[in-house]
Amino acid sequence: MSAAKRAARAAAILRRDAARDAAGPDAGARIADHFFKAVLLPRQASIAGYVAMGSEADPAEVIARASAAGHVCALPRVAHQDAPLVFLQWRPGDALVAGAHGTREPAPGALACRPDVVLVPLLAFDARGRRIGYGGGYYDRTLAALRHEGTGIVAVGIAFSAQEAEDLPEEEFDARLDWVVTETGARAFAAAPRGV
C-alpha cells in the first residue's frame, strides 16, 4: 500500500502543478462561489482553512468571505508530530508566523477553537471521497478525532478539478471527505466517515 500511495503522490504532484496553471488566477474566487452555493454554513459556524503552499488550491477567498459574514475562522497548527492538528482563530489581515513543514500559522496567543467545517488540502481525490495527502497523516488523525467526538464535522477538500484521480489507494486509518469543491463545482460524498 505504501508503494501505491507513493506512486499516486508523485503523479498527483505533477497533475496539480499543471492544474493550477490551467485554472487561472481567478480559481480561488470560483472555488469560493461554488463553496458558498453548495456547503451550508450554519449561523455562527466556525471554519478552519489553511494557508496554501506551492501549487495547492487556495482557500483564502473562502476564508475571507466566511470571516466577512461573521463566522469564526481558524488555521491549523502542528502541536505534536503524531497528534491531531490544533486550530487557532485567525482573521484575514492578522499576523502569521512560520509553522512546521513550511506552513504559516496564527501568531502565538491566538485562541484555540473547534471547527465545524475543515477545509482540507490534498494532492488528489477520487469519486468516493478518498484523498491523497502528503503522507504525514495530520488531517486523517484530526478528522478521526473530531468525528469521534460525535458533534458533527464537515470535511471539505479544496482542489482543482484536474486533481481528480480514477481510484486512489486507501488504508483503514484514511479519513474520507464529505465534499470536494473545485473551480468547476462542488460534489458531496456519501458514507464519508469510513474507518473513523
Protein backbone atom coordinates (compact mmCIF):
# COMPACT_ATOMS: atom_id res chain seq x y z
CA MET A 1 0.00 0.00 0.00
CA SER A 2 2.80 2.45 0.82
CA ALA A 3 4.33 1.96 -2.63
CA ALA A 4 0.93 2.56 -4.25
CA LYS A 5 0.49 5.76 -2.26
CA ARG A 6 4.00 6.97 -3.13
CA ALA A 7 3.27 6.42 -6.82
CA ALA A 8 -0.10 8.17 -6.51
CA ARG A 9 1.54 11.15 -4.75
CA ALA A 10 4.23 11.52 -7.40
CA ALA A 11 1.66 11.52 -10.21
CA ALA A 12 -0.66 13.83 -8.25
CA ILE A 13 2.01 16.49 -7.69
CA LEU A 14 2.66 16.79 -11.41
CA ARG A 15 -1.08 16.87 -12.16
CA ARG A 16 -1.72 19.55 -9.51
CA ASP A 17 1.07 21.81 -10.80
CA ALA A 18 -0.44 21.67 -14.29
CA ALA A 19 -3.98 22.10 -12.90
CA ARG A 20 -3.05 25.27 -11.04
CA ASP A 21 -1.60 26.82 -14.20
CA ALA A 22 -4.65 25.81 -16.27
CA ALA A 23 -7.19 27.02 -13.69
CA GLY A 24 -6.02 30.63 -13.93
CA PRO A 25 -5.73 33.46 -11.40
CA ASP A 26 -9.45 33.61 -10.57
CA ALA A 27 -9.65 29.95 -9.48
CA GLY A 28 -9.84 30.89 -5.78
CA ALA A 29 -12.86 33.14 -6.38
CA ARG A 30 -14.61 30.42 -8.40
CA ILE A 31 -13.89 27.86 -5.65
CA ALA A 32 -15.43 30.26 -3.11
CA ASP A 33 -18.50 30.80 -5.33
CA HIS A 34 -19.12 27.03 -5.54
CA PHE A 35 -18.40 26.53 -1.84
CA PHE A 36 -21.00 29.02 -0.65
CA LYS A 37 -23.62 27.79 -3.13
CA ALA A 38 -23.21 24.16 -2.04
CA VAL A 39 -21.99 23.91 1.56
CA LEU A 40 -24.46 25.15 4.14
CA LEU A 41 -22.70 27.01 6.93
CA PRO A 42 -24.94 27.19 9.99
CA ARG A 43 -25.13 30.56 11.69
CA GLN A 44 -22.01 31.18 13.80
CA ALA A 45 -20.32 28.06 12.43
CA SER A 46 -16.55 28.03 12.72
CA ILE A 47 -14.50 27.19 9.66
CA ALA A 48 -10.87 26.08 9.57
CA GLY A 49 -8.82 26.72 6.45
CA TYR A 50 -5.13 26.63 5.63
CA VAL A 51 -2.54 28.88 4.01
CA ALA A 52 -1.89 27.46 0.55
CA MET A 53 1.64 26.28 -0.23
CA GLY A 54 3.16 25.69 -3.65
CA SER A 55 0.50 24.78 -6.20
CA GLU A 56 -2.25 24.00 -3.66
CA ALA A 57 -5.74 25.27 -4.42
CA ASP A 58 -6.05 28.39 -2.28
CA PRO A 59 -8.97 28.67 0.19
CA ALA A 60 -8.14 32.30 1.06
CA GLU A 61 -11.26 33.67 -0.64
CA VAL A 62 -13.47 31.15 1.17
CA ILE A 63 -11.97 32.24 4.49
CA ALA A 64 -12.26 35.95 3.61
CA ARG A 65 -15.96 35.63 2.72
CA ALA A 66 -16.72 33.48 5.77
CA SER A 67 -14.98 35.98 8.04
CA ALA A 68 -16.86 38.89 6.45
CA ALA A 69 -20.12 37.00 7.07
CA GLY A 70 -19.31 36.76 10.79
CA HIS A 71 -18.06 33.18 11.01
CA VAL A 72 -15.18 32.33 13.33
CA CYS A 73 -12.23 31.32 11.14
CA ALA A 74 -9.14 29.38 12.10
CA LEU A 75 -5.91 27.96 10.73
CA PRO A 76 -4.14 24.75 11.74
CA ARG A 77 -1.05 24.38 13.89
CA VAL A 78 1.05 21.24 14.27
CA ALA A 79 1.33 20.87 18.05
CA HIS A 80 2.99 17.44 18.02
CA GLN A 81 4.08 15.23 15.14
CA ASP A 82 1.76 12.30 15.86
CA ALA A 83 -1.18 14.28 17.25
CA PRO A 84 -4.24 15.86 15.62
CA LEU A 85 -3.90 19.44 14.44
CA VAL A 86 -4.83 22.30 16.73
CA PHE A 87 -6.93 25.08 15.19
CA LEU A 88 -6.27 28.69 16.18
CA GLN A 89 -8.60 31.58 15.48
CA TRP A 90 -7.47 33.88 12.69
CA ARG A 91 -8.96 36.61 10.51
CA PRO A 92 -7.65 37.89 7.18
CA GLY A 93 -5.10 40.56 7.95
CA ASP A 94 -3.96 39.01 11.25
CA ALA A 95 -0.27 38.19 11.58
CA LEU A 96 1.09 34.80 10.52
CA VAL A 97 4.26 33.10 11.72
CA ALA A 98 6.32 30.19 10.40
CA GLY A 99 4.97 26.77 11.36
CA ALA A 100 6.06 23.16 10.93
CA HIS A 101 6.79 21.76 7.45
CA GLY A 102 6.95 25.23 5.87
CA THR A 103 3.39 26.15 6.84
CA ARG A 104 2.13 29.53 8.09
CA GLU A 105 0.01 29.73 11.22
CA PRO A 106 -1.54 32.30 13.58
CA ALA A 107 0.78 34.16 15.93
CA PRO A 108 1.32 32.89 19.49
CA GLY A 109 -1.54 33.80 21.78
CA ALA A 110 -4.30 33.11 19.23
CA LEU A 111 -7.30 31.38 20.78
CA ALA A 112 -7.95 27.71 20.03
CA CYS A 113 -11.28 26.70 18.53
CA ARG A 114 -13.11 23.55 17.49
CA PRO A 115 -14.18 23.96 13.86
CA ASP A 116 -17.50 22.85 12.41
CA VAL A 117 -16.08 22.80 8.87
CA VAL A 118 -12.50 21.86 7.98
CA LEU A 119 -11.07 22.85 4.59
CA VAL A 120 -8.59 20.13 3.66
CA PRO A 121 -5.62 20.48 1.29
CA LEU A 122 -4.85 17.50 -0.91
CA LEU A 123 -2.80 16.14 -3.76
CA ALA A 124 -5.60 14.07 -5.33
CA PHE A 125 -9.19 12.96 -4.70
CA ASP A 126 -11.50 10.40 -6.25
CA ALA A 127 -15.23 9.91 -6.85
CA ARG A 128 -15.68 8.18 -3.47
CA GLY A 129 -14.28 10.99 -1.34
CA ARG A 130 -10.88 9.42 -0.82
CA ARG A 131 -7.88 11.74 -0.82
CA ILE A 132 -4.13 11.54 -1.01
CA GLY A 133 -2.29 13.99 1.19
CA TYR A 134 1.38 14.46 1.88
CA GLY A 135 1.84 11.33 3.98
CA GLY A 136 2.09 12.85 7.47
CA GLY A 137 -1.42 11.73 8.46
CA TYR A 138 -2.24 15.05 10.17
CA TYR A 139 -5.65 15.51 8.58
CA ASP A 140 -6.54 11.82 8.92
CA ARG A 141 -5.83 11.97 12.67
CA THR A 142 -7.60 15.31 13.02
CA LEU A 143 -10.78 14.30 11.19
CA ALA A 144 -10.88 10.98 13.08
CA ALA A 145 -10.60 12.80 16.42
CA LEU A 146 -13.25 15.38 15.52
CA ARG A 147 -15.64 12.74 14.19
CA HIS A 148 -15.08 10.61 17.30
CA GLU A 149 -16.47 13.48 19.39
CA GLY A 150 -19.77 12.89 17.61
CA THR A 151 -20.75 16.54 17.45
CA GLY A 152 -20.62 16.82 13.67
CA ILE A 153 -17.79 17.93 11.44
CA VAL A 154 -17.79 18.59 7.71
CA ALA A 155 -14.53 17.89 5.84
CA VAL A 156 -14.27 19.78 2.55
CA GLY A 157 -11.40 19.09 0.18
CA ILE A 158 -10.28 22.20 -1.71
CA ALA A 159 -8.80 21.28 -5.08
CA PHE A 160 -8.58 21.87 -8.79
CA SER A 161 -10.91 19.69 -10.87
CA ALA A 162 -7.92 18.16 -12.69
CA GLN A 163 -6.74 16.68 -9.37
CA GLU A 164 -9.45 14.03 -9.56
CA ALA A 165 -7.98 10.54 -9.91
CA GLU A 166 -9.56 7.29 -11.04
CA ASP A 167 -9.22 5.13 -7.93
CA LEU A 168 -6.95 6.06 -5.03
CA PRO A 169 -5.36 3.57 -2.62
CA GLU A 170 -6.90 3.61 0.84
CA GLU A 171 -5.84 2.31 4.23
CA GLU A 172 -8.05 1.76 7.27
CA PHE A 173 -6.91 4.97 9.00
CA ASP A 174 -7.55 7.21 5.95
CA ALA A 175 -10.35 9.70 6.58
CA ARG A 176 -12.66 10.39 3.67
CA LEU A 177 -14.02 13.78 2.68
CA ASP A 178 -17.65 14.88 2.91
CA TRP A 179 -17.24 17.31 0.00
CA VAL A 180 -14.76 18.39 -2.63
CA VAL A 181 -15.03 21.91 -4.02
CA THR A 182 -13.10 22.89 -7.14
CA GLU A 183 -13.07 25.78 -9.57
CA THR A 184 -15.72 23.95 -11.65
CA GLY A 185 -18.17 22.85 -8.95
CA ALA A 186 -18.87 21.10 -5.66
CA ARG A 187 -19.53 17.43 -5.00
CA ALA A 188 -20.86 15.71 -1.87
CA PHE A 189 -19.88 12.16 -0.97
CA ALA A 190 -21.93 9.54 0.84
CA ALA A 191 -20.51 7.46 3.70
CA ALA A 192 -17.55 9.81 4.15
CA PRO A 193 -16.58 8.74 7.69
CA ARG A 194 -15.40 5.22 6.68
CA GLY A 195 -12.77 3.97 9.07
CA VAL A 196 -13.38 6.64 11.70
